[in-house]
Amino acid sequence: MKTMANLPIPAIKALHKIGQDVRDARRRRCIPIELMAERARLSRTTIGKIEKGDPTTSMGGYASVLFVLGMMDRLSNLVDAY
């Protein structure tokens, strides 16, 4: 994957962790991928990419998934300039 090769290693690791955390949160809530995709208005493929930490997935996709999981506060606190 060419995009992955252009990212710094810490960024790759962070994306993988976010993906694992999203997958774990979805599973703890017993939400099947199909239902997550429907609620987030994304394809099952995109949910899979998010859960793998794919860097080509849009920030909007991550935002939709976090909204479904009730974790929007995590996104809004991601880069707090103060």
PDB file of N, CA and C in Angstrom:
ATOM      1  N   MET A   1       0.851  -1.174   0.000  1.00  0.00           N
ATOM      2  CA  MET A   1       0.000   0.000   0.000  1.00  0.00           C
ATOM      3  C   MET A   1       0.898   1.239   0.000  1.00  0.00           C
ATOM      4  N   LYS A   2       0.832   1.998  -1.037  1.00  0.00           N
ATOM      5  CA  LYS A   2       1.718   3.147  -1.218  1.00  0.00           C
ATOM      6  C   LYS A   2       1.495   4.228  -0.160  1.00  0.00           C
ATOM      7  N   THR A   3       0.236   4.518   0.189  1.00  0.00           N
ATOM      8  CA  THR A   3      -0.046   5.548   1.183  1.00  0.00           C
ATOM      9  C   THR A   3       0.565   5.188   2.524  1.00  0.00           C
ATOM     10  N   MET A   4       0.486   3.923   2.894  1.00  0.00           N
ATOM     11  CA  MET A   4       1.030   3.470   4.160  1.00  0.00           C
ATOM     12  C   MET A   4       2.532   3.701   4.204  1.00  0.00           C
ATOM     13  N   ALA A   5       3.211   3.505   3.093  1.00  0.00           N
ATOM     14  CA  ALA A   5       4.658   3.674   3.047  1.00  0.00           C
ATOM     15  C   ALA A   5       5.066   5.133   3.261  1.00  0.00           C
ATOM     16  N   ASN A   6       4.171   6.072   2.977  1.00  0.00           N
ATOM     17  CA  ASN A   6       4.479   7.491   3.128  1.00  0.00           C
ATOM     18  C   ASN A   6       4.235   8.007   4.541  1.00  0.00           C
ATOM     19  N   LEU A   7       3.618   7.207   5.379  1.00  0.00           N
ATOM     20  CA  LEU A   7       3.304   7.649   6.734  1.00  0.00           C
ATOM     21  C   LEU A   7       4.439   7.318   7.701  1.00  0.00           C
ATOM     22  N   PRO A   8       4.648   8.175   8.702  1.00  0.00           N
ATOM     23  CA  PRO A   8       5.620   7.841   9.740  1.00  0.00           C
ATOM     24  C   PRO A   8       5.126   6.628  10.533  1.00  0.00           C
ATOM     25  N   ILE A   9       6.037   5.839  11.017  1.00  0.00           N
ATOM     26  CA  ILE A   9       5.683   4.625  11.764  1.00  0.00           C
ATOM     27  C   ILE A   9       4.770   4.930  12.955  1.00  0.00           C
ATOM     28  N   PRO A  10       5.012   5.993  13.739  1.00  0.00           N
ATOM     29  CA  PRO A  10       4.082   6.267  14.844  1.00  0.00           C
ATOM     30  C   PRO A  10       2.648   6.545  14.372  1.00  0.00           C
ATOM     31  N   ALA A  11       2.497   7.142  13.213  1.00  0.00           N
ATOM     32  CA  ALA A  11       1.159   7.400  12.667  1.00  0.00           C
ATOM     33  C   ALA A  11       0.481   6.090  12.277  1.00  0.00           C
ATOM     34  N   ILE A  12       1.229   5.197  11.677  1.00  0.00           N
ATOM     35  CA  ILE A  12       0.693   3.880  11.300  1.00  0.00           C
ATOM     36  C   ILE A  12       0.228   3.136  12.551  1.00  0.00           C
ATOM     37  N   LYS A  13       1.056   3.146  13.581  1.00  0.00           N
ATOM     38  CA  LYS A  13       0.711   2.459  14.832  1.00  0.00           C
ATOM     39  C   LYS A  13      -0.532   3.082  15.479  1.00  0.00           C
ATOM     40  N   ALA A  14      -0.624   4.412  15.439  1.00  0.00           N
ATOM     41  CA  ALA A  14      -1.783   5.091  16.025  1.00  0.00           C
ATOM     42  C   ALA A  14      -3.065   4.716  15.289  1.00  0.00           C
ATOM     43  N   LEU A  15      -3.009   4.667  13.960  1.00  0.00           N
ATOM     44  CA  LEU A  15      -4.190   4.291  13.182  1.00  0.00           C
ATOM     45  C   LEU A  15      -4.611   2.853  13.475  1.00  0.00           C
ATOM     46  N   HIS A  16      -3.637   1.968  13.616  1.00  0.00           N
ATOM     47  CA  HIS A  16      -3.958   0.578  13.948  1.00  0.00           C
ATOM     48  C   HIS A  16      -4.622   0.492  15.326  1.00  0.00           C
ATOM     49  N   LYS A  17      -4.128   1.264  16.279  1.00  0.00           N
ATOM     50  CA  LYS A  17      -4.721   1.257  17.626  1.00  0.00           C
ATOM     51  C   LYS A  17      -6.139   1.798  17.601  1.00  0.00           C
ATOM     52  N   ILE A  18      -6.359   2.881  16.864  1.00  0.00           N
ATOM     53  CA  ILE A  18      -7.710   3.430  16.751  1.00  0.00           C
ATOM     54  C   ILE A  18      -8.643   2.373  16.158  1.00  0.00           C
ATOM     55  N   GLY A  19      -8.187   1.703  15.117  1.00  0.00           N
ATOM     56  CA  GLY A  19      -8.995   0.656  14.493  1.00  0.00           C
ATOM     57  C   GLY A  19      -9.325  -0.465  15.458  1.00  0.00           C
ATOM     58  N   GLN A  20      -8.337  -0.904  16.224  1.00  0.00           N
ATOM     59  CA  GLN A  20      -8.573  -1.963  17.216  1.00  0.00           C
ATOM     60  C   GLN A  20      -9.554  -1.498  18.282  1.00  0.00           C
ATOM     61  N   ASP A  21      -9.403  -0.250  18.716  1.00  0.00           N
ATOM     62  CA  ASP A  21     -10.300   0.290  19.738  1.00  0.00           C
ATOM     63  C   ASP A  21     -11.738   0.390  19.222  1.00  0.00           C
ATOM     64  N   VAL A  22     -11.891   0.800  17.970  1.00  0.00           N
ATOM     65  CA  VAL A  22     -13.229   0.871  17.366  1.00  0.00           C
ATOM     66  C   VAL A  22     -13.832  -0.531  17.288  1.00  0.00           C
ATOM     67  N   ARG A  23     -13.044  -1.491  16.831  1.00  0.00           N
ATOM     68  CA  ARG A  23     -13.533  -2.877  16.738  1.00  0.00           C
ATOM     69  C   ARG A  23     -13.926  -3.404  18.114  1.00  0.00           C
ATOM     70  N   ASP A  24     -13.073  -3.177  19.117  1.00  0.00           N
ATOM     71  CA  ASP A  24     -13.371  -3.650  20.475  1.00  0.00           C
ATOM     72  C   ASP A  24     -14.636  -2.996  21.028  1.00  0.00           C
ATOM     73  N   ALA A  25     -14.791  -1.685  20.799  1.00  0.00           N
ATOM     74  CA  ALA A  25     -15.984  -0.971  21.275  1.00  0.00           C
ATOM     75  C   ALA A  25     -17.242  -1.510  20.592  1.00  0.00           C
ATOM     76  N   ARG A  26     -17.136  -1.769  19.294  1.00  0.00           N
ATOM     77  CA  ARG A  26     -18.290  -2.316  18.562  1.00  0.00           C
ATOM     78  C   ARG A  26     -18.659  -3.688  19.109  1.00  0.00           C
ATOM     79  N   ARG A  27     -17.678  -4.523  19.336  1.00  0.00           N
ATOM     80  CA  ARG A  27     -17.942  -5.869  19.847  1.00  0.00           C
ATOM     81  C   ARG A  27     -18.509  -5.849  21.265  1.00  0.00           C
ATOM     82  N   ARG A  28     -17.976  -4.975  22.125  1.00  0.00           N
ATOM     83  CA  ARG A  28     -18.495  -4.864  23.496  1.00  0.00           C
ATOM     84  C   ARG A  28     -19.967  -4.464  23.497  1.00  0.00           C
ATOM     85  N   ARG A  29     -20.354  -3.687  22.493  1.00  0.00           N
ATOM     86  CA  ARG A  29     -21.750  -3.256  22.386  1.00  0.00           C
ATOM     87  C   ARG A  29     -22.595  -4.259  21.603  1.00  0.00           C
ATOM     88  N   CYS A  30     -21.972  -5.354  21.190  1.00  0.00           N
ATOM     89  CA  CYS A  30     -22.652  -6.420  20.432  1.00  0.00           C
ATOM     90  C   CYS A  30     -23.315  -5.887  19.163  1.00  0.00           C
ATOM     91  N   ILE A  31     -22.586  -5.018  18.453  1.00  0.00           N
ATOM     92  CA  ILE A  31     -23.092  -4.456  17.204  1.00  0.00           C
ATOM     93  C   ILE A  31     -22.424  -5.198  16.044  1.00  0.00           C
ATOM     94  N   PRO A  32     -23.180  -5.956  15.263  1.00  0.00           N
ATOM     95  CA  PRO A  32     -22.595  -6.622  14.090  1.00  0.00           C
ATOM     96  C   PRO A  32     -22.122  -5.587  13.058  1.00  0.00           C
ATOM     97  N   ILE A  33     -21.163  -5.973  12.244  1.00  0.00           N
ATOM     98  CA  ILE A  33     -20.629  -5.067  11.226  1.00  0.00           C
ATOM     99  C   ILE A  33     -21.738  -4.558  10.310  1.00  0.00           C
ATOM    100  N   GLU A  34     -22.668  -5.426   9.953  1.00  0.00           N
ATOM    101  CA  GLU A  34     -23.755  -5.023   9.059  1.00  0.00           C
ATOM    102  C   GLU A  34     -24.582  -3.890   9.668  1.00  0.00           C
ATOM    103  N   LEU A  35     -24.878  -4.011  10.954  1.00  0.00           N
ATOM    104  CA  LEU A  35     -25.666  -2.984  11.630  1.00  0.00           C
ATOM    105  C   LEU A  35     -24.859  -1.696  11.792  1.00  0.00           C
ATOM    106  N   MET A  36     -23.574  -1.842  12.105  1.00  0.00           N
ATOM    107  CA  MET A  36     -22.702  -0.662  12.217  1.00  0.00           C
ATOM    108  C   MET A  36     -22.669   0.078  10.889  1.00  0.00           C
ATOM    109  N   ALA A  37     -22.515  -0.664   9.802  1.00  0.00           N
ATOM    110  CA  ALA A  37     -22.473  -0.050   8.477  1.00  0.00           C
ATOM    111  C   ALA A  37     -23.769   0.686   8.173  1.00  0.00           C
ATOM    112  N   GLU A  38     -24.883   0.073   8.503  1.00  0.00           N
ATOM    113  CA  GLU A  38     -26.186   0.705   8.256  1.00  0.00           C
ATOM    114  C   GLU A  38     -26.340   1.986   9.077  1.00  0.00           C
ATOM    115  N   ARG A  39     -26.017   1.916  10.355  1.00  0.00           N
ATOM    116  CA  ARG A  39     -26.175   3.075  11.239  1.00  0.00           C
ATOM    117  C   ARG A  39     -25.219   4.212  10.875  1.00  0.00           C
ATOM    118  N   ALA A  40     -24.001   3.849  10.458  1.00  0.00           N
ATOM    119  CA  ALA A  40     -23.000   4.864  10.106  1.00  0.00           C
ATOM    120  C   ALA A  40     -23.144   5.325   8.660  1.00  0.00           C
ATOM    121  N   ARG A  41     -24.028   4.663   7.912  1.00  0.00           N
ATOM    122  CA  ARG A  41     -24.231   4.961   6.490  1.00  0.00           C
ATOM    123  C   ARG A  41     -22.942   4.794   5.693  1.00  0.00           C
ATOM    124  N   LEU A  42     -22.255   3.683   6.006  1.00  0.00           N
ATOM    125  CA  LEU A  42     -21.016   3.319   5.323  1.00  0.00           C
ATOM    126  C   LEU A  42     -21.142   1.881   4.840  1.00  0.00           C
ATOM    127  N   SER A  43     -20.256   1.492   3.950  1.00  0.00           N
ATOM    128  CA  SER A  43     -20.260   0.105   3.495  1.00  0.00           C
ATOM    129  C   SER A  43     -19.566  -0.781   4.529  1.00  0.00           C
ATOM    130  N   ARG A  44     -19.851  -2.073   4.450  1.00  0.00           N
ATOM    131  CA  ARG A  44     -19.161  -3.032   5.326  1.00  0.00           C
ATOM    132  C   ARG A  44     -17.662  -2.988   5.064  1.00  0.00           C
ATOM    133  N   THR A  45     -17.287  -2.772   3.813  1.00  0.00           N
ATOM    134  CA  THR A  45     -15.871  -2.680   3.455  1.00  0.00           C
ATOM    135  C   THR A  45     -15.210  -1.513   4.174  1.00  0.00           C
ATOM    136  N   THR A  46     -15.886  -0.374   4.223  1.00  0.00           N
ATOM    137  CA  THR A  46     -15.324   0.800   4.888  1.00  0.00           C
ATOM    138  C   THR A  46     -15.196   0.563   6.390  1.00  0.00           C
ATOM    139  N   ILE A  47     -16.181  -0.089   6.993  1.00  0.00           N
ATOM    140  CA  ILE A  47     -16.085  -0.423   8.417  1.00  0.00           C
ATOM    141  C   ILE A  47     -14.860  -1.304   8.648  1.00  0.00           C
ATOM    142  N   GLY A  48     -14.658  -2.268   7.774  1.00  0.00           N
ATOM    143  CA  GLY A  48     -13.482  -3.142   7.881  1.00  0.00           C
ATOM    144  C   GLY A  48     -12.183  -2.364   7.774  1.00  0.00           C
ATOM    145  N   LYS A  49     -12.145  -1.411   6.857  1.00  0.00           N
ATOM    146  CA  LYS A  49     -10.941  -0.585   6.702  1.00  0.00           C
ATOM    147  C   LYS A  49     -10.686   0.251   7.951  1.00  0.00           C
ATOM    148  N   ILE A  50     -11.737   0.822   8.513  1.00  0.00           N
ATOM    149  CA  ILE A  50     -11.597   1.617   9.733  1.00  0.00           C
ATOM    150  C   ILE A  50     -11.047   0.742  10.857  1.00  0.00           C
ATOM    151  N   GLU A  51     -11.595  -0.451  10.989  1.00  0.00           N
ATOM    152  CA  GLU A  51     -11.162  -1.344  12.061  1.00  0.00           C
ATOM    153  C   GLU A  51      -9.743  -1.868  11.851  1.00  0.00           C
ATOM    154  N   LYS A  52      -9.227  -1.769  10.643  1.00  0.00           N
ATOM    155  CA  LYS A  52      -7.834  -2.151  10.366  1.00  0.00           C
ATOM    156  C   LYS A  52      -6.900  -0.951  10.419  1.00  0.00           C
ATOM    157  N   GLY A  53      -7.461   0.247  10.591  1.00  0.00           N
ATOM    158  CA  GLY A  53      -6.632   1.449  10.648  1.00  0.00           C
ATOM    159  C   GLY A  53      -6.132   1.895   9.297  1.00  0.00           C
ATOM    160  N   ASP A  54      -6.898   1.634   8.265  1.00  0.00           N
ATOM    161  CA  ASP A  54      -6.517   2.006   6.903  1.00  0.00           C
ATOM    162  C   ASP A  54      -6.426   3.528   6.775  1.00  0.00           C
ATOM    163  N   PRO A  55      -5.255   4.060   6.377  1.00  0.00           N
ATOM    164  CA  PRO A  55      -5.080   5.507   6.299  1.00  0.00           C
ATOM    165  C   PRO A  55      -5.813   6.166   5.134  1.00  0.00           C
ATOM    166  N   THR A  56      -6.350   5.379   4.223  1.00  0.00           N
ATOM    167  CA  THR A  56      -7.063   5.967   3.090  1.00  0.00           C
ATOM    168  C   THR A  56      -8.536   6.224   3.399  1.00  0.00           C
ATOM    169  N   THR A  57      -8.999   5.783   4.557  1.00  0.00           N
ATOM    170  CA  THR A  57     -10.381   5.991   4.954  1.00  0.00           C
ATOM    171  C   THR A  57     -10.552   7.429   5.431  1.00  0.00           C
ATOM    172  N   SER A  58     -11.646   8.057   5.019  1.00  0.00           N
ATOM    173  CA  SER A  58     -11.849   9.470   5.341  1.00  0.00           C
ATOM    174  C   SER A  58     -12.098   9.689   6.831  1.00  0.00           C
ATOM    175  N   MET A  59     -11.774  10.880   7.272  1.00  0.00           N
ATOM    176  CA  MET A  59     -12.039  11.277   8.650  1.00  0.00           C
ATOM    177  C   MET A  59     -13.542  11.240   8.916  1.00  0.00           C
ATOM    178  N   GLY A  60     -14.335  11.518   7.897  1.00  0.00           N
ATOM    179  CA  GLY A  60     -15.784  11.450   8.034  1.00  0.00           C
ATOM    180  C   GLY A  60     -16.262  10.050   8.372  1.00  0.00           C
ATOM    181  N   GLY A  61     -15.613   9.054   7.807  1.00  0.00           N
ATOM    182  CA  GLY A  61     -15.958   7.667   8.125  1.00  0.00           C
ATOM    183  C   GLY A  61     -15.691   7.359   9.591  1.00  0.00           C
ATOM    184  N   TYR A  62     -14.527   7.782  10.066  1.00  0.00           N
ATOM    185  CA  TYR A  62     -14.211   7.594  11.482  1.00  0.00           C
ATOM    186  C   TYR A  62     -15.218   8.334  12.357  1.00  0.00           C
ATOM    187  N   ALA A  63     -15.593   9.560  11.966  1.00  0.00           N
ATOM    188  CA  ALA A  63     -16.555  10.348  12.733  1.00  0.00           C
ATOM    189  C   ALA A  63     -17.904   9.637  12.800  1.00  0.00           C
ATOM    190  N   SER A  64     -18.355   9.077  11.693  1.00  0.00           N
ATOM    191  CA  SER A  64     -19.635   8.371  11.663  1.00  0.00           C
ATOM    192  C   SER A  64     -19.631   7.173  12.601  1.00  0.00           C
ATOM    193  N   VAL A  65     -18.548   6.420  12.575  1.00  0.00           N
ATOM    194  CA  VAL A  65     -18.430   5.243  13.430  1.00  0.00           C
ATOM    195  C   VAL A  65     -18.389   5.651  14.906  1.00  0.00           C
ATOM    196  N   LEU A  66     -17.633   6.684  15.219  1.00  0.00           N
ATOM    197  CA  LEU A  66     -17.564   7.142  16.608  1.00  0.00           C
ATOM    198  C   LEU A  66     -18.927   7.648  17.090  1.00  0.00           C
ATOM    199  N   PHE A  67     -19.676   8.281  16.201  1.00  0.00           N
ATOM    200  CA  PHE A  67     -21.022   8.735  16.562  1.00  0.00           C
ATOM    201  C   PHE A  67     -21.905   7.543  16.917  1.00  0.00           C
ATOM    202  N   VAL A  68     -21.886   6.513  16.085  1.00  0.00           N
ATOM    203  CA  VAL A  68     -22.700   5.318  16.339  1.00  0.00           C
ATOM    204  C   VAL A  68     -22.311   4.677  17.673  1.00  0.00           C
ATOM    205  N   LEU A  69     -21.042   4.713  18.008  1.00  0.00           N
ATOM    206  CA  LEU A  69     -20.562   4.113  19.251  1.00  0.00           C
ATOM    207  C   LEU A  69     -20.761   5.021  20.471  1.00  0.00           C
ATOM    208  N   GLY A  70     -21.263   6.251  20.238  1.00  0.00           N
ATOM    209  CA  GLY A  70     -21.450   7.189  21.341  1.00  0.00           C
ATOM    210  C   GLY A  70     -20.135   7.744  21.864  1.00  0.00           C
ATOM    211  N   MET A  71     -19.160   7.900  20.970  1.00  0.00           N
ATOM    212  CA  MET A  71     -17.820   8.324  21.369  1.00  0.00           C
ATOM    213  C   MET A  71     -17.368   9.599  20.666  1.00  0.00           C
ATOM    214  N   MET A  72     -18.315  10.462  20.306  1.00  0.00           N
ATOM    215  CA  MET A  72     -17.956  11.684  19.587  1.00  0.00           C
ATOM    216  C   MET A  72     -17.051  12.605  20.395  1.00  0.00           C
ATOM    217  N   ASP A  73     -17.152  12.549  21.723  1.00  0.00           N
ATOM    218  CA  ASP A  73     -16.294  13.388  22.552  1.00  0.00           C
ATOM    219  C   ASP A  73     -14.821  13.078  22.323  1.00  0.00           C
ATOM    220  N   ARG A  74     -14.520  11.835  21.983  1.00  0.00           N
ATOM    221  CA  ARG A  74     -13.132  11.449  21.710  1.00  0.00           C
ATOM    222  C   ARG A  74     -12.594  12.171  20.481  1.00  0.00           C
ATOM    223  N   LEU A  75     -13.446  12.311  19.479  1.00  0.00           N
ATOM    224  CA  LEU A  75     -13.021  12.982  18.249  1.00  0.00           C
ATOM    225  C   LEU A  75     -12.855  14.473  18.474  1.00  0.00           C
ATOM    226  N   SER A  76     -13.795  15.075  19.185  1.00  0.00           N
ATOM    227  CA  SER A  76     -13.705  16.522  19.390  1.00  0.00           C
ATOM    228  C   SER A  76     -12.545  16.913  20.297  1.00  0.00           C
ATOM    229  N   ASN A  77     -12.041  15.975  21.092  1.00  0.00           N
ATOM    230  CA  ASN A  77     -10.905  16.239  21.963  1.00  0.00           C
ATOM    231  C   ASN A  77      -9.570  15.793  21.366  1.00  0.00           C
ATOM    232  N   LEU A  78      -9.616  15.288  20.144  1.00  0.00           N
ATOM    233  CA  LEU A  78      -8.429  14.733  19.508  1.00  0.00           C
ATOM    234  C   LEU A  78      -7.292  15.742  19.399  1.00  0.00           C
ATOM    235  N   VAL A  79      -7.599  16.917  18.908  1.00  0.00           N
ATOM    236  CA  VAL A  79      -6.584  17.964  18.780  1.00  0.00           C
ATOM    237  C   VAL A  79      -7.145  19.211  19.458  1.00  0.00           C
ATOM    238  N   ASP A  80      -6.845  19.320  20.732  1.00  0.00           N
ATOM    239  CA  ASP A  80      -7.306  20.465  21.514  1.00  0.00           C
ATOM    240  C   ASP A  80      -6.159  21.450  21.631  1.00  0.00           C
ATOM    241  N   ALA A  81      -6.302  22.611  21.020  1.00  0.00           N
ATOM    242  CA  ALA A  81      -5.220  23.595  20.964  1.00  0.00           C
ATOM    243  C   ALA A  81      -4.969  24.293  22.297  1.00  0.00           C
ATOM    244  N   TYR A  82      -5.840  24.059  23.280  1.00  0.00           N
ATOM    245  CA  TYR A  82      -5.682  24.753  24.562  1.00  0.00           C
ATOM    246  C   TYR A  82      -5.343  23.839  25.677  1.00  0.00           C
TER     247      TYR A  82
END
